[in-house]
Amino acid sequence: MTTADDDGRAGQAFPWLHYVVAGVKIVFVLAIFRLFSTPFSEEMFGEQWLPMPTWDWALASTTPVLLILLARRPADWAALSGERTILRIALTFYLAYGLVFAALQSEEVLWVSVAAGLVGFVAMRHLDSKESDHAG
């Protein structure tokens, strides 16, 4: 049984969800480009143009979590069924980079990235179990 939300929508997906998904993908591609631009500039030009990502990486790592939290209703989560793999890849990448550089280089701001990755995985697991409860 679906219930109507405050705005009266029952069983409908969030209307702007595909724009949010596109935004998450764009931010992920830009974050990867940003990560690899530092060693590339040092290798190609002999000087490091940008430092390794810190606060910008932490900010980018929150975008998949925001998408997961926006899509917490069953209809929205079902609409994201084709995007869950890219969300897991992005969360894993953000979590791994954040964990390695926060632990090894003492970049405290990257613990935000670690926390965002963990929250994202927990939220995905919770929504997946909620979806299987509704299906079965």
N, C-alpha and C. Protein backbone atom coordinates (compact mmCIF):
# COMPACT_ATOMS: atom_id res chain seq x y z
N MET A 1 0.84 -1.18 0.00
CA MET A 1 0.00 0.00 0.00
C MET A 1 0.89 1.24 0.00
N THR A 2 0.65 2.10 -0.95
CA THR A 2 1.42 3.35 -0.99
C THR A 2 0.58 4.45 -0.36
N THR A 3 1.27 5.34 0.28
CA THR A 3 0.59 6.47 0.90
C THR A 3 0.99 7.75 0.18
N ALA A 4 0.11 8.69 0.19
CA ALA A 4 0.39 9.97 -0.46
C ALA A 4 1.33 10.79 0.41
N ASP A 5 2.25 11.48 -0.23
CA ASP A 5 3.16 12.37 0.48
C ASP A 5 2.46 13.69 0.74
N ASP A 6 3.21 14.61 1.31
CA ASP A 6 2.65 15.93 1.63
C ASP A 6 2.13 16.65 0.40
N ASP A 7 2.77 16.41 -0.76
CA ASP A 7 2.34 17.11 -1.97
C ASP A 7 1.32 16.29 -2.77
N GLY A 8 0.88 15.17 -2.24
CA GLY A 8 -0.18 14.41 -2.88
C GLY A 8 0.28 13.38 -3.88
N ARG A 9 1.55 13.20 -4.07
CA ARG A 9 2.05 12.21 -5.03
C ARG A 9 2.08 10.84 -4.36
N ALA A 10 1.48 9.86 -4.99
CA ALA A 10 1.52 8.50 -4.46
C ALA A 10 2.12 7.58 -5.52
N GLY A 11 3.21 6.93 -5.20
CA GLY A 11 3.81 5.96 -6.10
C GLY A 11 4.54 6.56 -7.29
N GLN A 12 4.68 7.87 -7.36
CA GLN A 12 5.39 8.50 -8.47
C GLN A 12 6.82 8.81 -8.06
N ALA A 13 7.71 8.74 -9.04
CA ALA A 13 9.11 9.06 -8.77
C ALA A 13 9.28 10.58 -8.67
N PHE A 14 10.30 10.96 -7.93
CA PHE A 14 10.68 12.37 -7.79
C PHE A 14 10.89 12.94 -9.20
N PRO A 15 10.21 14.02 -9.59
CA PRO A 15 10.24 14.47 -10.99
C PRO A 15 11.62 14.94 -11.47
N TRP A 16 12.47 15.39 -10.59
CA TRP A 16 13.78 15.89 -11.00
C TRP A 16 14.88 14.86 -10.77
N LEU A 17 14.52 13.63 -10.51
CA LEU A 17 15.49 12.60 -10.15
C LEU A 17 16.53 12.36 -11.24
N HIS A 18 16.11 12.37 -12.50
CA HIS A 18 17.08 12.12 -13.58
C HIS A 18 18.09 13.26 -13.70
N TYR A 19 17.71 14.48 -13.33
CA TYR A 19 18.68 15.58 -13.32
C TYR A 19 19.69 15.42 -12.18
N VAL A 20 19.21 14.95 -11.05
CA VAL A 20 20.11 14.72 -9.92
C VAL A 20 21.09 13.59 -10.26
N VAL A 21 20.61 12.54 -10.91
CA VAL A 21 21.48 11.43 -11.33
C VAL A 21 22.54 11.95 -12.30
N ALA A 22 22.15 12.76 -13.25
CA ALA A 22 23.11 13.34 -14.20
C ALA A 22 24.13 14.20 -13.47
N GLY A 23 23.68 14.96 -12.49
CA GLY A 23 24.60 15.79 -11.70
C GLY A 23 25.61 14.95 -10.94
N VAL A 24 25.16 13.84 -10.36
CA VAL A 24 26.07 12.96 -9.62
C VAL A 24 27.12 12.37 -10.57
N LYS A 25 26.68 11.97 -11.76
CA LYS A 25 27.63 11.41 -12.74
C LYS A 25 28.64 12.46 -13.19
N ILE A 26 28.19 13.68 -13.44
CA ILE A 26 29.10 14.75 -13.87
C ILE A 26 30.10 15.07 -12.77
N VAL A 27 29.63 15.16 -11.54
CA VAL A 27 30.54 15.44 -10.42
C VAL A 27 31.55 14.31 -10.26
N PHE A 28 31.13 13.07 -10.45
CA PHE A 28 32.04 11.93 -10.33
C PHE A 28 33.12 11.98 -11.42
N VAL A 29 32.73 12.26 -12.64
CA VAL A 29 33.71 12.36 -13.74
C VAL A 29 34.68 13.51 -13.48
N LEU A 30 34.17 14.65 -13.03
CA LEU A 30 35.03 15.79 -12.71
C LEU A 30 35.97 15.48 -11.55
N ALA A 31 35.49 14.73 -10.56
CA ALA A 31 36.34 14.36 -9.42
C ALA A 31 37.47 13.43 -9.86
N ILE A 32 37.16 12.49 -10.74
CA ILE A 32 38.21 11.60 -11.25
C ILE A 32 39.22 12.40 -12.07
N PHE A 33 38.72 13.29 -12.92
CA PHE A 33 39.62 14.15 -13.69
C PHE A 33 40.49 14.99 -12.77
N ARG A 34 39.89 15.53 -11.72
CA ARG A 34 40.63 16.34 -10.75
C ARG A 34 41.71 15.52 -10.03
N LEU A 35 41.38 14.28 -9.70
CA LEU A 35 42.33 13.41 -9.02
C LEU A 35 43.54 13.12 -9.90
N PHE A 36 43.31 12.82 -11.16
CA PHE A 36 44.40 12.44 -12.04
C PHE A 36 45.10 13.62 -12.70
N SER A 37 44.54 14.82 -12.57
CA SER A 37 45.19 15.99 -13.18
C SER A 37 46.48 16.37 -12.46
N THR A 38 46.55 16.12 -11.16
CA THR A 38 47.76 16.46 -10.40
C THR A 38 48.96 15.65 -10.85
N PRO A 39 48.90 14.32 -10.86
CA PRO A 39 50.07 13.56 -11.34
C PRO A 39 50.33 13.77 -12.82
N PHE A 40 49.27 14.01 -13.61
CA PHE A 40 49.45 14.24 -15.04
C PHE A 40 50.23 15.53 -15.28
N SER A 41 49.85 16.61 -14.59
CA SER A 41 50.55 17.88 -14.80
C SER A 41 52.01 17.78 -14.33
N GLU A 42 52.25 17.04 -13.28
CA GLU A 42 53.61 16.87 -12.79
C GLU A 42 54.44 16.04 -13.76
N GLU A 43 53.83 15.02 -14.34
CA GLU A 43 54.52 14.15 -15.28
C GLU A 43 54.79 14.86 -16.61
N MET A 44 53.79 15.56 -17.13
CA MET A 44 53.91 16.17 -18.46
C MET A 44 54.66 17.49 -18.45
N PHE A 45 54.48 18.30 -17.43
CA PHE A 45 55.03 19.64 -17.45
C PHE A 45 56.12 19.87 -16.41
N GLY A 46 56.39 18.87 -15.61
CA GLY A 46 57.47 18.98 -14.64
C GLY A 46 57.13 19.76 -13.38
N GLU A 47 55.93 20.25 -13.27
CA GLU A 47 55.50 20.95 -12.05
C GLU A 47 54.07 20.58 -11.73
N GLN A 48 53.77 20.63 -10.46
CA GLN A 48 52.45 20.27 -9.99
C GLN A 48 51.57 21.51 -9.99
N TRP A 49 50.58 21.54 -10.88
CA TRP A 49 49.71 22.70 -10.98
C TRP A 49 48.69 22.76 -9.86
N LEU A 50 48.20 21.62 -9.47
CA LEU A 50 47.19 21.54 -8.42
C LEU A 50 47.66 20.58 -7.34
N PRO A 51 47.35 20.85 -6.09
CA PRO A 51 47.65 19.85 -5.05
C PRO A 51 46.65 18.69 -5.17
N MET A 52 46.92 17.63 -4.46
CA MET A 52 45.98 16.52 -4.45
C MET A 52 44.66 16.98 -3.83
N PRO A 53 43.54 16.40 -4.26
CA PRO A 53 42.24 16.85 -3.77
C PRO A 53 42.08 16.67 -2.26
N THR A 54 41.46 17.65 -1.62
CA THR A 54 41.15 17.55 -0.19
C THR A 54 39.69 17.93 0.03
N TRP A 55 39.41 19.21 0.26
CA TRP A 55 38.05 19.64 0.56
C TRP A 55 37.13 19.44 -0.64
N ASP A 56 37.64 19.59 -1.86
CA ASP A 56 36.80 19.39 -3.04
C ASP A 56 36.40 17.92 -3.17
N TRP A 57 37.29 17.01 -2.78
CA TRP A 57 36.97 15.59 -2.81
C TRP A 57 35.90 15.27 -1.76
N ALA A 58 36.03 15.86 -0.60
CA ALA A 58 35.03 15.65 0.44
C ALA A 58 33.67 16.17 0.00
N LEU A 59 33.65 17.30 -0.67
CA LEU A 59 32.40 17.86 -1.17
C LEU A 59 31.80 16.97 -2.25
N ALA A 60 32.62 16.51 -3.18
CA ALA A 60 32.13 15.65 -4.26
C ALA A 60 31.61 14.32 -3.72
N SER A 61 32.21 13.83 -2.64
CA SER A 61 31.80 12.53 -2.10
C SER A 61 30.41 12.57 -1.47
N THR A 62 29.90 13.74 -1.19
CA THR A 62 28.56 13.83 -0.60
C THR A 62 27.45 13.76 -1.65
N THR A 63 27.77 13.93 -2.93
CA THR A 63 26.72 13.95 -3.94
C THR A 63 25.99 12.62 -4.11
N PRO A 64 26.68 11.46 -4.12
CA PRO A 64 25.89 10.21 -4.20
C PRO A 64 25.02 10.00 -2.96
N VAL A 65 25.51 10.43 -1.81
CA VAL A 65 24.74 10.27 -0.58
C VAL A 65 23.48 11.13 -0.65
N LEU A 66 23.60 12.34 -1.16
CA LEU A 66 22.43 13.20 -1.31
C LEU A 66 21.41 12.58 -2.26
N LEU A 67 21.89 11.98 -3.35
CA LEU A 67 20.98 11.31 -4.28
C LEU A 67 20.27 10.15 -3.60
N ILE A 68 21.00 9.36 -2.84
CA ILE A 68 20.39 8.22 -2.15
C ILE A 68 19.35 8.71 -1.14
N LEU A 69 19.65 9.78 -0.43
CA LEU A 69 18.70 10.30 0.54
C LEU A 69 17.47 10.92 -0.12
N LEU A 70 17.66 11.52 -1.31
CA LEU A 70 16.51 12.05 -2.05
C LEU A 70 15.62 10.93 -2.56
N ALA A 71 16.22 9.80 -2.87
CA ALA A 71 15.47 8.68 -3.46
C ALA A 71 15.10 7.64 -2.41
N ARG A 72 14.77 8.07 -1.21
CA ARG A 72 14.50 7.11 -0.15
C ARG A 72 13.10 6.51 -0.21
N ARG A 73 12.20 7.12 -0.97
CA ARG A 73 10.87 6.53 -1.13
C ARG A 73 10.95 5.32 -2.06
N PRO A 74 10.11 4.32 -1.88
CA PRO A 74 10.20 3.10 -2.72
C PRO A 74 10.08 3.37 -4.22
N ALA A 75 9.22 4.30 -4.62
CA ALA A 75 9.08 4.60 -6.05
C ALA A 75 10.35 5.23 -6.61
N ASP A 76 10.96 6.11 -5.84
CA ASP A 76 12.21 6.75 -6.28
C ASP A 76 13.35 5.75 -6.32
N TRP A 77 13.43 4.89 -5.31
CA TRP A 77 14.51 3.90 -5.25
C TRP A 77 14.36 2.90 -6.39
N ALA A 78 13.14 2.55 -6.73
CA ALA A 78 12.91 1.65 -7.86
C ALA A 78 13.31 2.32 -9.17
N ALA A 79 13.09 3.64 -9.27
CA ALA A 79 13.49 4.37 -10.48
C ALA A 79 15.01 4.41 -10.64
N LEU A 80 15.74 4.25 -9.55
CA LEU A 80 17.20 4.25 -9.59
C LEU A 80 17.81 2.87 -9.77
N SER A 81 17.01 1.89 -10.12
CA SER A 81 17.52 0.51 -10.19
C SER A 81 18.66 0.38 -11.20
N GLY A 82 18.64 1.12 -12.28
CA GLY A 82 19.71 1.05 -13.27
C GLY A 82 20.93 1.87 -12.92
N GLU A 83 20.82 2.72 -11.92
CA GLU A 83 21.92 3.61 -11.55
C GLU A 83 22.67 3.15 -10.30
N ARG A 84 22.25 2.09 -9.69
CA ARG A 84 22.85 1.66 -8.42
C ARG A 84 24.30 1.23 -8.58
N THR A 85 24.63 0.65 -9.71
CA THR A 85 26.02 0.22 -9.93
C THR A 85 26.96 1.41 -9.96
N ILE A 86 26.59 2.46 -10.68
CA ILE A 86 27.45 3.65 -10.74
C ILE A 86 27.52 4.31 -9.37
N LEU A 87 26.44 4.25 -8.60
CA LEU A 87 26.48 4.80 -7.24
C LEU A 87 27.46 4.02 -6.37
N ARG A 88 27.44 2.70 -6.49
CA ARG A 88 28.37 1.88 -5.70
C ARG A 88 29.82 2.14 -6.12
N ILE A 89 30.05 2.28 -7.41
CA ILE A 89 31.40 2.56 -7.91
C ILE A 89 31.87 3.91 -7.38
N ALA A 90 31.01 4.92 -7.46
CA ALA A 90 31.39 6.25 -6.99
C ALA A 90 31.65 6.24 -5.48
N LEU A 91 30.77 5.60 -4.72
CA LEU A 91 30.97 5.54 -3.27
C LEU A 91 32.25 4.81 -2.91
N THR A 92 32.53 3.71 -3.61
CA THR A 92 33.76 2.96 -3.36
C THR A 92 34.99 3.80 -3.66
N PHE A 93 34.97 4.50 -4.78
CA PHE A 93 36.11 5.32 -5.18
C PHE A 93 36.33 6.46 -4.19
N TYR A 94 35.26 7.16 -3.82
CA TYR A 94 35.38 8.24 -2.84
C TYR A 94 35.86 7.73 -1.48
N LEU A 95 35.31 6.59 -1.06
CA LEU A 95 35.68 6.01 0.23
C LEU A 95 37.14 5.57 0.23
N ALA A 96 37.57 4.89 -0.83
CA ALA A 96 38.95 4.39 -0.87
C ALA A 96 39.96 5.53 -0.88
N TYR A 97 39.76 6.52 -1.74
CA TYR A 97 40.69 7.64 -1.79
C TYR A 97 40.69 8.39 -0.46
N GLY A 98 39.50 8.64 0.07
CA GLY A 98 39.41 9.36 1.34
C GLY A 98 40.08 8.62 2.47
N LEU A 99 39.88 7.32 2.54
CA LEU A 99 40.47 6.53 3.62
C LEU A 99 41.99 6.48 3.52
N VAL A 100 42.49 6.25 2.32
CA VAL A 100 43.95 6.16 2.15
C VAL A 100 44.64 7.48 2.47
N PHE A 101 44.14 8.56 1.91
CA PHE A 101 44.81 9.84 2.11
C PHE A 101 44.52 10.45 3.48
N ALA A 102 43.37 10.15 4.07
CA ALA A 102 43.12 10.64 5.43
C ALA A 102 44.01 9.92 6.42
N ALA A 103 44.22 8.62 6.22
CA ALA A 103 45.03 7.85 7.17
C ALA A 103 46.53 8.05 6.95
N LEU A 104 46.97 8.07 5.69
CA LEU A 104 48.40 8.10 5.41
C LEU A 104 49.00 9.50 5.35
N GLN A 105 48.21 10.49 4.96
CA GLN A 105 48.75 11.83 4.83
C GLN A 105 48.14 12.81 5.81
N SER A 106 47.41 12.31 6.76
CA SER A 106 46.81 13.13 7.83
C SER A 106 45.99 14.29 7.29
N GLU A 107 45.19 14.03 6.28
CA GLU A 107 44.26 15.04 5.75
C GLU A 107 42.92 14.84 6.45
N GLU A 108 42.69 15.62 7.51
CA GLU A 108 41.49 15.44 8.33
C GLU A 108 40.20 15.68 7.56
N VAL A 109 40.22 16.59 6.60
CA VAL A 109 39.00 16.92 5.87
C VAL A 109 38.52 15.73 5.03
N LEU A 110 39.41 14.81 4.71
CA LEU A 110 39.00 13.64 3.92
C LEU A 110 38.23 12.62 4.74
N TRP A 111 38.22 12.76 6.06
CA TRP A 111 37.36 11.88 6.86
C TRP A 111 35.90 12.13 6.54
N VAL A 112 35.56 13.31 6.04
CA VAL A 112 34.19 13.58 5.58
C VAL A 112 33.86 12.66 4.42
N SER A 113 34.82 12.45 3.54
CA SER A 113 34.63 11.55 2.41
C SER A 113 34.43 10.11 2.88
N VAL A 114 35.20 9.71 3.88
CA VAL A 114 35.06 8.36 4.43
C VAL A 114 33.67 8.19 5.05
N ALA A 115 33.26 9.17 5.83
CA ALA A 115 31.94 9.11 6.47
C ALA A 115 30.83 9.10 5.43
N ALA A 116 30.97 9.91 4.38
CA ALA A 116 29.95 9.94 3.32
C ALA A 116 29.87 8.59 2.62
N GLY A 117 31.00 7.97 2.35
CA GLY A 117 30.99 6.66 1.71
C GLY A 117 30.31 5.62 2.57
N LEU A 118 30.62 5.62 3.87
CA LEU A 118 30.00 4.65 4.76
C LEU A 118 28.50 4.89 4.90
N VAL A 119 28.10 6.15 5.04
CA VAL A 119 26.68 6.48 5.14
C VAL A 119 25.96 6.08 3.85
N GLY A 120 26.60 6.31 2.71
CA GLY A 120 25.99 5.92 1.44
C GLY A 120 25.78 4.43 1.32
N PHE A 121 26.77 3.64 1.71
CA PHE A 121 26.62 2.19 1.65
C PHE A 121 25.56 1.68 2.62
N VAL A 122 25.52 2.24 3.82
CA VAL A 122 24.50 1.84 4.80
C VAL A 122 23.11 2.20 4.29
N ALA A 123 22.97 3.39 3.72
CA ALA A 123 21.67 3.82 3.20
C ALA A 123 21.23 2.95 2.02
N MET A 124 22.17 2.59 1.15
CA MET A 124 21.83 1.71 0.02
C MET A 124 21.38 0.34 0.53
N ARG A 125 22.10 -0.19 1.49
CA ARG A 125 21.73 -1.49 2.05
C ARG A 125 20.34 -1.43 2.70
N HIS A 126 20.08 -0.35 3.42
CA HIS A 126 18.78 -0.18 4.07
C HIS A 126 17.66 -0.09 3.03
N LEU A 127 17.87 0.70 1.99
CA LEU A 127 16.84 0.84 0.96
C LEU A 127 16.66 -0.43 0.17
N ASP A 128 17.74 -1.18 -0.07
CA ASP A 128 17.62 -2.47 -0.75
C ASP A 128 16.80 -3.45 0.08
N SER A 129 17.04 -3.47 1.40
CA SER A 129 16.28 -4.38 2.25
C SER A 129 14.83 -3.94 2.35
N LYS A 130 14.61 -2.62 2.35
CA LYS A 130 13.24 -2.10 2.37
C LYS A 130 12.51 -2.47 1.08
N GLU A 131 13.23 -2.42 -0.04
CA GLU A 131 12.63 -2.77 -1.32
C GLU A 131 12.28 -4.26 -1.36
N SER A 132 13.17 -5.10 -0.84
CA SER A 132 12.88 -6.53 -0.84
C SER A 132 11.73 -6.86 0.11
N ASP A 133 11.57 -6.09 1.18
CA ASP A 133 10.43 -6.29 2.09
C ASP A 133 9.12 -5.93 1.40
N HIS A 134 9.14 -4.87 0.59
CA HIS A 134 7.93 -4.47 -0.13
C HIS A 134 7.59 -5.46 -1.24
N ALA A 135 8.62 -6.07 -1.84
CA ALA A 135 8.40 -7.00 -2.93
C ALA A 135 7.90 -8.35 -2.42
N GLY A 136 8.36 -8.74 -1.23
CA GLY A 136 8.04 -10.08 -0.75
C GLY A 136 7.04 -10.13 0.28
